[in-house]
Amino acid sequence: MARVARLASALALAFGLTGPTLSAQEAPLSGKWALNRELSQLSREVGFSADWMTTGGAGGGAPGGGGGRGGAPGGQSGGSSNRTGFPVSRVSREDSMRNTQLTAEVREPAARVTIAETANEITITPDKGSPRTFHPNGREEVVQLDGVTVATTTALEAGRLVVRYKVDPQHELRYTYSRVASPPQLVVEVQFVQRGGGDTVKRVYEPASETDTAQAAPAPAAPQTTPPASGQPASQAPADRGAPPPAAPGATQNFDRQPEAQFKGLTALGVVVEGLGSQATKCGLRQEAIESAMMKQLSGAGFKVSVNQDEDTYLYVNVITATMGDGNCLSRYDA
């Protein structure tokens, strides 16, 4: 039987039978698509929930708990445990970056998407972002995000294209693309997959019109301004005739949507430590000591730091403490 399996694998490689290929009949997704916001589910609250304390090993629930949505490094679960069986979150920097960027893409979906298909691959290009190419053969491959990579698996399931992003060992983001014939629509379902279930949103795209395409195209560069010839009025200079008109009030601005762009250029930060509970106090934690340690680190990095002040940007810290059966204390924080 093993020899037959090896022979079948060799034949598959020899004839290129490496899995299902994408055809126009199976997944006719090609085209330029514009988001219909009225028909789509749009929310800035979706994401992975904090589930690091939902179970305490074989014994069931653990004391304490923390809230929060995806995008914050403290809100994920690495599934590790210490010798007491109490879960401890272990989230790497790369996992956190993947979570932040992929969650942001769901909360702020692309207004326009271009999809191109060939016999064995599909390329999806958002209006503001780099193209991503997938191979629907069910095999894991690596896709480059901004500053970090992510493992993906793409497959055709019941006529739909399913792309799975592996955020970390415990979390997955699943995109399902399907085509509706009448009226012509591209339906994209996004699910945050984790223990205990996760959020699901649906987007509806329609064929992009010429107006949509024109809006998506980058604006032409302004011509170089040259001084007018001697004796020629400035209003008649050729460069002035080609200058673009000023932007109208209320026009849409192009914001930097790169991950962590909102943190660039910060010079001042506020620090807010949520009041410690009785468990934390009994275990010897002091709020003043935590605030002092944070201020020291941030000041050393060059920030002007203030505690419990009304700063536009602030670092919020929530500390959760639990007492184990053997009398030991275990604390964690979300920032």
C-alpha atoms as a PDB file:
ATOM      1  CA  MET A   1       0.000   0.000   0.000  1.00  0.00           C
ATOM      2  CA  ALA A   2       2.861   2.374   0.827  1.00  0.00           C
ATOM      3  CA  ARG A   3       4.413   1.657  -2.615  1.00  0.00           C
ATOM      4  CA  VAL A   4       1.072   2.508  -4.270  1.00  0.00           C
ATOM      5  CA  ALA A   5       0.860   5.764  -2.336  1.00  0.00           C
ATOM      6  CA  ARG A   6       4.393   6.718  -3.351  1.00  0.00           C
ATOM      7  CA  LEU A   7       3.650   5.853  -6.968  1.00  0.00           C
ATOM      8  CA  ALA A   8       0.503   7.974  -6.935  1.00  0.00           C
ATOM      9  CA  SER A   9       2.447  10.911  -5.506  1.00  0.00           C
ATOM     10  CA  ALA A  10       5.125  10.545  -8.192  1.00  0.00           C
ATOM     11  CA  LEU A  11       2.501  10.474 -10.939  1.00  0.00           C
ATOM     12  CA  ALA A  12       0.809  13.528  -9.490  1.00  0.00           C
ATOM     13  CA  LEU A  13       4.066  15.454  -9.545  1.00  0.00           C
ATOM     14  CA  ALA A  14       4.943  14.246 -13.033  1.00  0.00           C
ATOM     15  CA  PHE A  15       1.629  15.363 -14.522  1.00  0.00           C
ATOM     16  CA  GLY A  16       1.201  18.503 -12.402  1.00  0.00           C
ATOM     17  CA  LEU A  17      -1.754  17.106 -10.443  1.00  0.00           C
ATOM     18  CA  THR A  18      -0.920  19.046  -7.307  1.00  0.00           C
ATOM     19  CA  GLY A  19      -4.437  19.826  -6.215  1.00  0.00           C
ATOM     20  CA  PRO A  20      -7.537  21.689  -7.419  1.00  0.00           C
ATOM     21  CA  THR A  21      -6.911  24.553  -9.808  1.00  0.00           C
ATOM     22  CA  LEU A  22      -8.909  27.750 -10.001  1.00  0.00           C
ATOM     23  CA  SER A  23     -11.077  27.975 -13.088  1.00  0.00           C
ATOM     24  CA  ALA A  24     -13.642  30.455 -14.286  1.00  0.00           C
ATOM     25  CA  GLN A  25     -16.399  27.916 -13.681  1.00  0.00           C
ATOM     26  CA  GLU A  26     -15.364  27.173 -10.085  1.00  0.00           C
ATOM     27  CA  ALA A  27     -14.578  30.653  -8.763  1.00  0.00           C
ATOM     28  CA  PRO A  28     -15.212  33.481 -11.253  1.00  0.00           C
ATOM     29  CA  LEU A  29     -13.900  36.183  -8.952  1.00  0.00           C
ATOM     30  CA  SER A  30     -11.836  38.160 -11.451  1.00  0.00           C
ATOM     31  CA  GLY A  31     -12.613  41.817 -11.904  1.00  0.00           C
ATOM     32  CA  LYS A  32     -12.635  45.166 -10.185  1.00  0.00           C
ATOM     33  CA  TRP A  33     -14.964  45.389  -7.205  1.00  0.00           C
ATOM     34  CA  ALA A  34     -16.263  48.307  -5.131  1.00  0.00           C
ATOM     35  CA  LEU A  35     -17.478  47.931  -1.539  1.00  0.00           C
ATOM     36  CA  ASN A  36     -21.188  48.476  -0.923  1.00  0.00           C
ATOM     37  CA  ARG A  37     -21.121  49.858   2.609  1.00  0.00           C
ATOM     38  CA  GLU A  38     -24.898  49.707   3.031  1.00  0.00           C
ATOM     39  CA  LEU A  39     -25.012  45.964   2.382  1.00  0.00           C
ATOM     40  CA  SER A  40     -21.829  45.210   4.356  1.00  0.00           C
ATOM     41  CA  GLN A  41     -21.282  44.619   8.048  1.00  0.00           C
ATOM     42  CA  LEU A  42     -18.736  47.174   9.218  1.00  0.00           C
ATOM     43  CA  SER A  43     -17.508  47.352  12.793  1.00  0.00           C
ATOM     44  CA  ARG A  44     -14.415  48.661  14.556  1.00  0.00           C
ATOM     45  CA  GLU A  45     -15.064  46.364  17.517  1.00  0.00           C
ATOM     46  CA  VAL A  46     -14.427  42.996  15.870  1.00  0.00           C
ATOM     47  CA  GLY A  47     -11.315  41.027  16.758  1.00  0.00           C
ATOM     48  CA  PHE A  48      -9.951  38.188  18.835  1.00  0.00           C
ATOM     49  CA  SER A  49     -11.184  38.178  22.427  1.00  0.00           C
ATOM     50  CA  ALA A  50      -8.908  37.819  25.446  1.00  0.00           C
ATOM     51  CA  ASP A  51      -9.251  34.170  26.476  1.00  0.00           C
ATOM     52  CA  TRP A  52      -6.020  33.522  28.368  1.00  0.00           C
ATOM     53  CA  MET A  53      -7.866  32.957  31.677  1.00  0.00           C
ATOM     54  CA  THR A  54     -10.948  31.137  30.427  1.00  0.00           C
ATOM     55  CA  THR A  55      -9.683  27.738  31.513  1.00  0.00           C
ATOM     56  CA  GLY A  56      -7.419  26.643  34.298  1.00  0.00           C
ATOM     57  CA  GLY A  57      -6.296  23.274  33.014  1.00  0.00           C
ATOM     58  CA  ALA A  58      -8.249  20.134  33.814  1.00  0.00           C
ATOM     59  CA  GLY A  59      -9.712  21.719  36.921  1.00  0.00           C
ATOM     60  CA  GLY A  60     -11.970  24.130  35.001  1.00  0.00           C
ATOM     61  CA  GLY A  61     -12.302  27.883  35.395  1.00  0.00           C
ATOM     62  CA  ALA A  62      -9.614  30.092  36.858  1.00  0.00           C
ATOM     63  CA  PRO A  63     -10.166  33.126  39.057  1.00  0.00           C
ATOM     64  CA  GLY A  64     -10.065  36.587  37.605  1.00  0.00           C
ATOM     65  CA  GLY A  65     -10.268  37.571  33.979  1.00  0.00           C
ATOM     66  CA  GLY A  66      -9.538  40.346  31.545  1.00  0.00           C
ATOM     67  CA  GLY A  67     -11.422  41.830  28.640  1.00  0.00           C
ATOM     68  CA  GLY A  68     -10.388  43.482  25.452  1.00  0.00           C
ATOM     69  CA  ARG A  69     -10.420  42.879  21.734  1.00  0.00           C
ATOM     70  CA  GLY A  70      -7.849  41.973  19.131  1.00  0.00           C
ATOM     71  CA  GLY A  71      -4.964  44.275  18.269  1.00  0.00           C
ATOM     72  CA  ALA A  72      -3.558  44.501  21.801  1.00  0.00           C
ATOM     73  CA  PRO A  73      -0.693  42.101  22.510  1.00  0.00           C
ATOM     74  CA  GLY A  74      -2.075  41.338  25.954  1.00  0.00           C
ATOM     75  CA  GLY A  75      -5.363  40.197  24.482  1.00  0.00           C
ATOM     76  CA  GLN A  76      -4.154  36.953  22.973  1.00  0.00           C
ATOM     77  CA  SER A  77      -3.567  33.533  24.365  1.00  0.00           C
ATOM     78  CA  GLY A  78      -0.490  31.478  23.784  1.00  0.00           C
ATOM     79  CA  GLY A  79      -1.989  28.446  25.522  1.00  0.00           C
ATOM     80  CA  SER A  80       1.027  27.844  27.771  1.00  0.00           C
ATOM     81  CA  SER A  81       0.816  26.870  31.424  1.00  0.00           C
ATOM     82  CA  ASN A  82       3.141  26.998  34.409  1.00  0.00           C
ATOM     83  CA  ARG A  83       3.723  24.154  36.826  1.00  0.00           C
ATOM     84  CA  THR A  84       0.471  24.951  38.668  1.00  0.00           C
ATOM     85  CA  GLY A  85      -1.611  24.403  35.525  1.00  0.00           C
ATOM     86  CA  PHE A  86      -2.560  28.111  35.411  1.00  0.00           C
ATOM     87  CA  PRO A  87      -2.544  29.451  31.804  1.00  0.00           C
ATOM     88  CA  VAL A  88       0.123  32.031  30.989  1.00  0.00           C
ATOM     89  CA  SER A  89       0.014  34.171  27.838  1.00  0.00           C
ATOM     90  CA  ARG A  90       3.116  33.937  25.643  1.00  0.00           C
ATOM     91  CA  VAL A  91       2.727  36.207  22.615  1.00  0.00           C
ATOM     92  CA  SER A  92       5.706  36.980  20.426  1.00  0.00           C
ATOM     93  CA  ARG A  93       6.296  40.345  18.770  1.00  0.00           C
ATOM     94  CA  GLU A  94       5.631  38.803  15.346  1.00  0.00           C
ATOM     95  CA  ASP A  95       2.317  37.318  16.521  1.00  0.00           C
ATOM     96  CA  SER A  96       1.295  40.697  17.890  1.00  0.00           C
ATOM     97  CA  MET A  97       2.204  42.460  14.634  1.00  0.00           C
ATOM     98  CA  ARG A  98       0.227  39.943  12.600  1.00  0.00           C
ATOM     99  CA  ASN A  99      -2.763  40.338  14.888  1.00  0.00           C
ATOM    100  CA  THR A 100      -2.598  44.137  14.733  1.00  0.00           C
ATOM    101  CA  GLN A 101      -2.339  44.380  10.959  1.00  0.00           C
ATOM    102  CA  LEU A 102      -4.834  41.668  10.028  1.00  0.00           C
ATOM    103  CA  THR A 103      -7.403  42.937  12.534  1.00  0.00           C
ATOM    104  CA  ALA A 104      -7.000  46.486  11.191  1.00  0.00           C
ATOM    105  CA  GLU A 105      -7.696  45.215   7.670  1.00  0.00           C
ATOM    106  CA  VAL A 106     -10.985  43.703   8.838  1.00  0.00           C
ATOM    107  CA  ARG A 107     -12.044  46.802  10.741  1.00  0.00           C
ATOM    108  CA  GLU A 108     -11.158  49.074   7.796  1.00  0.00           C
ATOM    109  CA  PRO A 109     -11.919  47.012   4.671  1.00  0.00           C
ATOM    110  CA  ALA A 110     -10.638  48.058   1.276  1.00  0.00           C
ATOM    111  CA  ALA A 111     -13.062  50.281  -0.623  1.00  0.00           C
ATOM    112  CA  ARG A 112     -11.996  48.688  -3.925  1.00  0.00           C
ATOM    113  CA  VAL A 113     -10.463  45.315  -4.696  1.00  0.00           C
ATOM    114  CA  THR A 114      -8.990  43.948  -7.928  1.00  0.00           C
ATOM    115  CA  ILE A 115      -8.861  40.170  -8.394  1.00  0.00           C
ATOM    116  CA  ALA A 116      -6.918  38.414 -11.157  1.00  0.00           C
ATOM    117  CA  GLU A 117      -7.039  34.639 -11.721  1.00  0.00           C
ATOM    118  CA  THR A 118      -4.919  32.228 -13.687  1.00  0.00           C
ATOM    119  CA  ALA A 119      -5.024  28.456 -13.980  1.00  0.00           C
ATOM    120  CA  ASN A 120      -3.461  27.836 -10.568  1.00  0.00           C
ATOM    121  CA  GLU A 121      -3.202  31.108  -8.679  1.00  0.00           C
ATOM    122  CA  ILE A 122      -5.225  34.120  -7.674  1.00  0.00           C
ATOM    123  CA  THR A 123      -3.961  37.634  -6.908  1.00  0.00           C
ATOM    124  CA  ILE A 124      -5.971  40.000  -4.718  1.00  0.00           C
ATOM    125  CA  THR A 125      -5.009  43.690  -4.719  1.00  0.00           C
ATOM    126  CA  PRO A 126      -6.733  46.224  -2.428  1.00  0.00           C
ATOM    127  CA  ASP A 127      -6.927  49.865  -3.428  1.00  0.00           C
ATOM    128  CA  LYS A 128      -4.417  50.818  -0.716  1.00  0.00           C
ATOM    129  CA  GLY A 129      -2.011  47.962  -0.270  1.00  0.00           C
ATOM    130  CA  SER A 130       0.257  45.457  -1.941  1.00  0.00           C
ATOM    131  CA  PRO A 131      -1.067  42.552  -4.035  1.00  0.00           C
ATOM    132  CA  ARG A 132      -1.172  39.113  -2.420  1.00  0.00           C
ATOM    133  CA  THR A 133      -0.942  35.965  -4.506  1.00  0.00           C
ATOM    134  CA  PHE A 134      -2.447  32.686  -3.313  1.00  0.00           C
ATOM    135  CA  HIS A 135      -2.377  29.144  -4.700  1.00  0.00           C
ATOM    136  CA  PRO A 136      -5.599  27.225  -3.991  1.00  0.00           C
ATOM    137  CA  ASN A 137      -3.969  23.812  -3.544  1.00  0.00           C
ATOM    138  CA  GLY A 138      -4.528  23.345   0.203  1.00  0.00           C
ATOM    139  CA  ARG A 139      -0.841  23.694   1.007  1.00  0.00           C
ATOM    140  CA  GLU A 140       0.643  26.135   3.488  1.00  0.00           C
ATOM    141  CA  GLU A 141       2.564  29.055   1.996  1.00  0.00           C
ATOM    142  CA  VAL A 142       4.020  32.290   3.342  1.00  0.00           C
ATOM    143  CA  VAL A 143       2.635  35.715   2.427  1.00  0.00           C
ATOM    144  CA  GLN A 144       4.468  38.949   3.162  1.00  0.00           C
ATOM    145  CA  LEU A 145       2.661  41.616   5.182  1.00  0.00           C
ATOM    146  CA  ASP A 146       4.094  44.981   6.170  1.00  0.00           C
ATOM    147  CA  GLY A 147       7.158  44.046   8.205  1.00  0.00           C
ATOM    148  CA  VAL A 148       6.072  40.517   9.072  1.00  0.00           C
ATOM    149  CA  THR A 149       5.149  37.264   7.302  1.00  0.00           C
ATOM    150  CA  VAL A 150       2.067  35.118   7.802  1.00  0.00           C
ATOM    151  CA  ALA A 151       1.427  31.467   6.956  1.00  0.00           C
ATOM    152  CA  THR A 152      -1.636  30.990   4.765  1.00  0.00           C
ATOM    153  CA  THR A 153      -3.583  28.054   3.372  1.00  0.00           C
ATOM    154  CA  THR A 154      -5.862  28.506   0.355  1.00  0.00           C
ATOM    155  CA  ALA A 155      -8.386  26.016  -1.002  1.00  0.00           C
ATOM    156  CA  LEU A 156     -11.586  25.721  -2.990  1.00  0.00           C
ATOM    157  CA  GLU A 157     -14.484  24.504  -0.852  1.00  0.00           C
ATOM    158  CA  ALA A 158     -17.921  23.991  -2.397  1.00  0.00           C
ATOM    159  CA  GLY A 159     -17.206  26.523  -5.143  1.00  0.00           C
ATOM    160  CA  ARG A 160     -15.906  29.144  -2.723  1.00  0.00           C
ATOM    161  CA  LEU A 161     -12.350  30.369  -2.260  1.00  0.00           C
ATOM    162  CA  VAL A 162     -11.202  30.042   1.365  1.00  0.00           C
ATOM    163  CA  VAL A 163      -8.008  31.769   2.567  1.00  0.00           C
ATOM    164  CA  ARG A 164      -6.802  31.023   6.108  1.00  0.00           C
ATOM    165  CA  TYR A 165      -4.297  33.319   7.819  1.00  0.00           C
ATOM    166  CA  LYS A 166      -2.502  31.697  10.765  1.00  0.00           C
ATOM    167  CA  VAL A 167      -2.164  34.596  13.214  1.00  0.00           C
ATOM    168  CA  ASP A 168      -0.613  32.450  15.973  1.00  0.00           C
ATOM    169  CA  PRO A 169      -0.958  28.830  17.192  1.00  0.00           C
ATOM    170  CA  GLN A 170      -4.345  29.570  18.795  1.00  0.00           C
ATOM    171  CA  HIS A 171      -5.890  32.088  16.369  1.00  0.00           C
ATOM    172  CA  GLU A 172      -6.808  32.045  12.691  1.00  0.00           C
ATOM    173  CA  LEU A 173      -8.406  34.588  10.382  1.00  0.00           C
ATOM    174  CA  ARG A 174     -10.540  32.957   7.685  1.00  0.00           C
ATOM    175  CA  TYR A 175     -11.649  34.753   4.489  1.00  0.00           C
ATOM    176  CA  THR A 176     -14.314  33.130   2.303  1.00  0.00           C
ATOM    177  CA  TYR A 177     -14.864  34.590  -1.183  1.00  0.00           C
ATOM    178  CA  SER A 178     -17.968  33.700  -3.219  1.00  0.00           C
ATOM    179  CA  ARG A 179     -19.633  35.076  -6.328  1.00  0.00           C
ATOM    180  CA  VAL A 180     -23.336  35.896  -6.696  1.00  0.00           C
ATOM    181  CA  ALA A 181     -24.593  35.898 -10.281  1.00  0.00           C
ATOM    182  CA  SER A 182     -27.685  38.088  -9.963  1.00  0.00           C
ATOM    183  CA  PRO A 183     -27.243  40.795  -9.001  1.00  0.00           C
ATOM    184  CA  PRO A 184     -23.495  40.478  -9.664  1.00  0.00           C
ATOM    185  CA  GLN A 185     -21.757  40.596  -6.308  1.00  0.00           C
ATOM    186  CA  LEU A 186     -18.574  39.449  -4.604  1.00  0.00           C
ATOM    187  CA  VAL A 187     -19.353  38.333  -1.051  1.00  0.00           C
ATOM    188  CA  VAL A 188     -16.469  38.186   1.421  1.00  0.00           C
ATOM    189  CA  GLU A 189     -17.043  36.594   4.824  1.00  0.00           C
ATOM    190  CA  VAL A 190     -14.361  37.076   7.479  1.00  0.00           C
ATOM    191  CA  GLN A 191     -14.264  34.967  10.641  1.00  0.00           C
ATOM    192  CA  PHE A 192     -12.000  35.287  13.681  1.00  0.00           C
ATOM    193  CA  VAL A 193     -11.413  31.627  14.570  1.00  0.00           C
ATOM    194  CA  GLN A 194     -10.409  30.836  18.149  1.00  0.00           C
ATOM    195  CA  ARG A 195     -11.364  28.655  21.076  1.00  0.00           C
ATOM    196  CA  GLY A 196     -15.014  29.207  21.969  1.00  0.00           C
ATOM    197  CA  GLY A 197     -15.906  30.842  18.643  1.00  0.00           C
ATOM    198  CA  GLY A 198     -15.204  34.297  17.269  1.00  0.00           C
ATOM    199  CA  ASP A 199     -16.597  37.325  15.469  1.00  0.00           C
ATOM    200  CA  THR A 200     -17.839  37.062  11.883  1.00  0.00           C
ATOM    201  CA  VAL A 201     -18.489  39.904   9.439  1.00  0.00           C
ATOM    202  CA  LYS A 202     -19.699  39.982   5.842  1.00  0.00           C
ATOM    203  CA  ARG A 203     -18.768  42.413   3.095  1.00  0.00           C
ATOM    204  CA  VAL A 204     -20.548  42.851  -0.212  1.00  0.00           C
ATOM    205  CA  TYR A 205     -18.682  44.157  -3.266  1.00  0.00           C
ATOM    206  CA  GLU A 206     -20.243  45.140  -6.581  1.00  0.00           C
ATOM    207  CA  PRO A 207     -18.632  45.591 -10.015  1.00  0.00           C
ATOM    208  CA  ALA A 208     -16.664  48.832  -9.950  1.00  0.00           C
ATOM    209  CA  SER A 209     -17.787  51.549 -12.331  1.00  0.00           C
ATOM    210  CA  GLU A 210     -15.536  53.844 -14.299  1.00  0.00           C
ATOM    211  CA  THR A 211     -16.062  56.483 -11.616  1.00  0.00           C
ATOM    212  CA  ASP A 212     -14.858  54.073  -8.933  1.00  0.00           C
ATOM    213  CA  THR A 213     -11.789  53.225 -11.010  1.00  0.00           C
ATOM    214  CA  ALA A 214     -10.992  56.898 -11.577  1.00  0.00           C
ATOM    215  CA  GLN A 215     -11.280  57.608  -7.857  1.00  0.00           C
ATOM    216  CA  ALA A 216      -8.971  54.700  -7.079  1.00  0.00           C
ATOM    217  CA  ALA A 217      -6.289  55.923  -9.500  1.00  0.00           C
ATOM    218  CA  PRO A 218      -3.515  58.013  -7.922  1.00  0.00           C
ATOM    219  CA  ALA A 219      -3.665  61.737  -8.576  1.00  0.00           C
ATOM    220  CA  PRO A 220      -1.197  63.006 -11.190  1.00  0.00           C
ATOM    221  CA  ALA A 221       1.900  64.715  -9.844  1.00  0.00           C
ATOM    222  CA  ALA A 222       1.777  68.483  -9.797  1.00  0.00           C
ATOM    223  CA  PRO A 223       3.871  70.023 -12.573  1.00  0.00           C
ATOM    224  CA  GLN A 224       7.130  71.706 -11.664  1.00  0.00           C
ATOM    225  CA  THR A 225       6.701  75.391 -11.100  1.00  0.00           C
ATOM    226  CA  THR A 226       9.031  77.523 -13.179  1.00  0.00           C
ATOM    227  CA  PRO A 227       9.354  81.288 -12.973  1.00  0.00           C
ATOM    228  CA  PRO A 228       7.538  83.118 -15.798  1.00  0.00           C
ATOM    229  CA  ALA A 229       9.528  84.522 -18.678  1.00  0.00           C
ATOM    230  CA  SER A 230      10.596  88.138 -18.470  1.00  0.00           C
ATOM    231  CA  GLY A 231       7.650  90.427 -19.091  1.00  0.00           C
ATOM    232  CA  GLN A 232       5.073  87.618 -18.930  1.00  0.00           C
ATOM    233  CA  PRO A 233       2.367  87.943 -16.242  1.00  0.00           C
ATOM    234  CA  ALA A 234       2.512  85.245 -13.604  1.00  0.00           C
ATOM    235  CA  SER A 235      -1.129  84.304 -14.226  1.00  0.00           C
ATOM    236  CA  GLN A 236      -0.230  83.301 -17.792  1.00  0.00           C
ATOM    237  CA  ALA A 237       2.769  81.105 -16.912  1.00  0.00           C
ATOM    238  CA  PRO A 238       2.406  77.644 -18.539  1.00  0.00           C
ATOM    239  CA  ALA A 239       3.093  75.868 -15.246  1.00  0.00           C
ATOM    240  CA  ASP A 240       0.262  77.748 -13.539  1.00  0.00           C
ATOM    241  CA  ARG A 241      -2.244  76.683 -16.207  1.00  0.00           C
ATOM    242  CA  GLY A 242      -1.506  73.040 -15.413  1.00  0.00           C
ATOM    243  CA  ALA A 243      -1.566  73.378 -11.624  1.00  0.00           C
ATOM    244  CA  PRO A 244      -4.287  71.317  -9.898  1.00  0.00           C
ATOM    245  CA  PRO A 245      -7.058  73.253  -8.134  1.00  0.00           C
ATOM    246  CA  PRO A 246      -6.980  73.385  -4.327  1.00  0.00           C
ATOM    247  CA  ALA A 247      -8.773  70.603  -2.492  1.00  0.00           C
ATOM    248  CA  ALA A 248     -12.383  71.344  -1.685  1.00  0.00           C
ATOM    249  CA  PRO A 249     -13.339  71.689   1.996  1.00  0.00           C
ATOM    250  CA  GLY A 250     -14.390  68.359   3.469  1.00  0.00           C
ATOM    251  CA  ALA A 251     -12.588  66.322   0.821  1.00  0.00           C
ATOM    252  CA  THR A 252     -11.399  62.864   1.848  1.00  0.00           C
ATOM    253  CA  GLN A 253      -7.808  62.845   3.074  1.00  0.00           C
ATOM    254  CA  ASN A 254      -5.317  60.075   2.497  1.00  0.00           C
ATOM    255  CA  PHE A 255      -4.323  58.917   5.967  1.00  0.00           C
ATOM    256  CA  ASP A 256      -1.366  56.671   6.652  1.00  0.00           C
ATOM    257  CA  ARG A 257      -2.937  53.251   7.227  1.00  0.00           C
ATOM    258  CA  GLN A 258       0.311  51.400   7.891  1.00  0.00           C
ATOM    259  CA  PRO A 259       0.419  49.422  11.159  1.00  0.00           C
ATOM    260  CA  GLU A 260       1.322  51.605  14.152  1.00  0.00           C
ATOM    261  CA  ALA A 261       1.368  54.740  11.979  1.00  0.00           C
ATOM    262  CA  GLN A 262      -0.537  56.592  14.699  1.00  0.00           C
ATOM    263  CA  PHE A 263       2.460  56.215  17.021  1.00  0.00           C
ATOM    264  CA  LYS A 264       4.962  57.973  14.745  1.00  0.00           C
ATOM    265  CA  GLY A 265       6.166  61.360  15.956  1.00  0.00           C
ATOM    266  CA  LEU A 266       4.892  61.020  19.525  1.00  0.00           C
ATOM    267  CA  THR A 267       6.767  63.064  22.115  1.00  0.00           C
ATOM    268  CA  ALA A 268       4.369  63.030  25.079  1.00  0.00           C
ATOM    269  CA  LEU A 269       2.495  60.172  26.715  1.00  0.00           C
ATOM    270  CA  GLY A 270       0.089  59.818  29.574  1.00  0.00           C
ATOM    271  CA  VAL A 271       0.186  56.822  31.923  1.00  0.00           C
ATOM    272  CA  VAL A 272      -2.959  55.362  33.462  1.00  0.00           C
ATOM    273  CA  VAL A 273      -2.776  52.357  35.776  1.00  0.00           C
ATOM    274  CA  GLU A 274      -6.185  50.967  36.649  1.00  0.00           C
ATOM    275  CA  GLY A 275      -6.757  50.730  40.396  1.00  0.00           C
ATOM    276  CA  LEU A 276      -5.409  47.476  41.837  1.00  0.00           C
ATOM    277  CA  GLY A 277      -7.840  45.029  43.372  1.00  0.00           C
ATOM    278  CA  SER A 278      -7.721  43.546  46.839  1.00  0.00           C
ATOM    279  CA  GLN A 279      -5.967  40.393  45.569  1.00  0.00           C
ATOM    280  CA  ALA A 280      -3.135  42.448  44.074  1.00  0.00           C
ATOM    281  CA  THR A 281      -2.757  44.463  47.271  1.00  0.00           C
ATOM    282  CA  LYS A 282      -2.622  41.320  49.420  1.00  0.00           C
ATOM    283  CA  CYS A 283       0.074  39.952  47.120  1.00  0.00           C
ATOM    284  CA  GLY A 284       2.245  43.023  47.691  1.00  0.00           C
ATOM    285  CA  LEU A 285       1.675  45.026  44.498  1.00  0.00           C
ATOM    286  CA  ARG A 286       1.672  48.823  44.798  1.00  0.00           C
ATOM    287  CA  GLN A 287       0.173  51.112  42.198  1.00  0.00           C
ATOM    288  CA  GLU A 288       2.720  53.864  42.841  1.00  0.00           C
ATOM    289  CA  ALA A 289       5.585  51.464  42.209  1.00  0.00           C
ATOM    290  CA  ILE A 290       4.085  50.335  38.895  1.00  0.00           C
ATOM    291  CA  GLU A 291       3.525  53.939  37.770  1.00  0.00           C
ATOM    292  CA  SER A 292       7.073  54.903  38.789  1.00  0.00           C
ATOM    293  CA  ALA A 293       8.584  51.960  36.876  1.00  0.00           C
ATOM    294  CA  MET A 294       6.613  52.823  33.723  1.00  0.00           C
ATOM    295  CA  MET A 295       7.529  56.507  33.909  1.00  0.00           C
ATOM    296  CA  LYS A 296      11.199  55.613  34.279  1.00  0.00           C
ATOM    297  CA  GLN A 297      11.159  53.393  31.188  1.00  0.00           C
ATOM    298  CA  LEU A 298       9.246  55.872  29.022  1.00  0.00           C
ATOM    299  CA  SER A 299      11.244  58.894  30.182  1.00  0.00           C
ATOM    300  CA  GLY A 300      14.434  57.020  29.413  1.00  0.00           C
ATOM    301  CA  ALA A 301      13.133  56.502  25.871  1.00  0.00           C
ATOM    302  CA  GLY A 302      12.763  60.263  25.427  1.00  0.00           C
ATOM    303  CA  PHE A 303       9.055  60.767  26.147  1.00  0.00           C
ATOM    304  CA  LYS A 304       7.532  63.501  28.265  1.00  0.00           C
ATOM    305  CA  VAL A 305       5.410  61.440  30.673  1.00  0.00           C
ATOM    306  CA  SER A 306       2.514  62.452  32.898  1.00  0.00           C
ATOM    307  CA  VAL A 307       0.409  60.253  35.196  1.00  0.00           C
ATOM    308  CA  ASN A 308      -3.383  60.377  35.106  1.00  0.00           C
ATOM    309  CA  GLN A 309      -3.391  63.486  32.909  1.00  0.00           C
ATOM    310  CA  ASP A 310      -5.617  64.288  29.957  1.00  0.00           C
ATOM    311  CA  GLU A 311      -3.139  63.449  27.209  1.00  0.00           C
ATOM    312  CA  ASP A 312      -4.367  62.668  23.681  1.00  0.00           C
ATOM    313  CA  THR A 313      -2.255  59.513  23.673  1.00  0.00           C
ATOM    314  CA  TYR A 314      -1.778  57.457  26.795  1.00  0.00           C
ATOM    315  CA  LEU A 315      -0.623  54.039  27.934  1.00  0.00           C
ATOM    316  CA  TYR A 316      -3.328  52.205  29.847  1.00  0.00           C
ATOM    317  CA  VAL A 317      -2.377  49.266  32.083  1.00  0.00           C
ATOM    318  CA  ASN A 318      -4.735  46.785  33.695  1.00  0.00           C
ATOM    319  CA  VAL A 319      -3.262  44.334  36.229  1.00  0.00           C
ATOM    320  CA  ILE A 320      -4.991  41.067  37.100  1.00  0.00           C
ATOM    321  CA  THR A 321      -3.870  39.018  40.116  1.00  0.00           C
ATOM    322  CA  ALA A 322      -4.989  35.586  41.310  1.00  0.00           C
ATOM    323  CA  THR A 323      -4.019  33.563  44.391  1.00  0.00           C
ATOM    324  CA  MET A 324      -3.272  29.899  43.726  1.00  0.00           C
ATOM    325  CA  GLY A 325      -4.248  27.007  45.966  1.00  0.00           C
ATOM    326  CA  ASP A 326      -0.700  26.705  47.334  1.00  0.00           C
ATOM    327  CA  GLY A 327      -0.682  30.378  48.394  1.00  0.00           C
ATOM    328  CA  ASN A 328       1.439  31.647  45.501  1.00  0.00           C
ATOM    329  CA  CYS A 329       0.338  34.746  43.576  1.00  0.00           C
ATOM    330  CA  LEU A 330       0.196  35.070  39.801  1.00  0.00           C
ATOM    331  CA  SER A 331      -0.224  38.446  38.099  1.00  0.00           C
ATOM    332  CA  ARG A 332      -0.403  39.542  34.496  1.00  0.00           C
ATOM    333  CA  TYR A 333      -1.031  42.842  32.795  1.00  0.00           C
ATOM    334  CA  ASP A 334      -2.739  44.101  29.642  1.00  0.00           C
ATOM    335  CA  ALA A 335      -1.331  47.299  28.138  1.00  0.00           C
END
